[in-house]
Amino acid sequence: MGAPGAVVAAGVAERSFEAAGFSEVRTLLSSGNVVFNARASSLDALQRRAEKAIDSELGSSFTAIVRSTQYLRELVASDPFAEFRLSPHAKRVVTFLRKPAASSVELPIERDGATILKLAGGEIFTAYTVTAKGPVFMSLLERTFGKDVTTRTLATVQKCSLA
């Protein structure tokens, strides 16, 4: 049996992943999520293979960040926001890093209703409330951790984990 994975990369056609040798390929939620099976390989190798597939299909490069569905299930089951007192109206988001970041960033970082709560390995956990200023959490994340990231709501991560 192959290693199941979920990759997030915007605008990807299923056929490009199939041509790259991935099996059981399907997109999820029209938000750049692709679920597939692959022979056992490192995450780095799967990411490179997915990026090559995207580039060959679309003619432009995108960053692919891969996590196994088992990993996503464990992440959701760990209830990563439980330790924080968040408003029931706060949006909970998970930002996936290509590589784990240095833990030297002092958290939490707050700005305009957005709070980067914690960094755990290759994921950043953020909560925000909608304000007139828009999604300030994205610029806050990019300034703190760079642009080699992708962000999904906790609900989307949960749906990917069950795919």
Foldseek 3Di string as FASTA:
>chain_A
DFFKKKKFWAPDDQVLVVVLPWPPWDAPDNRRIIITGHHDDDQVVVQVSVQVSRCVVPVDGIGMGMDTLVVLVVVLVVVVCVVDDDDPQKWKKKKFANFFDDQPDDDFDDDDFKTFHHGDGGITIIIGHDDPVGPVVVVVCCVVPNDRMDMDTNVVSVVSSVD
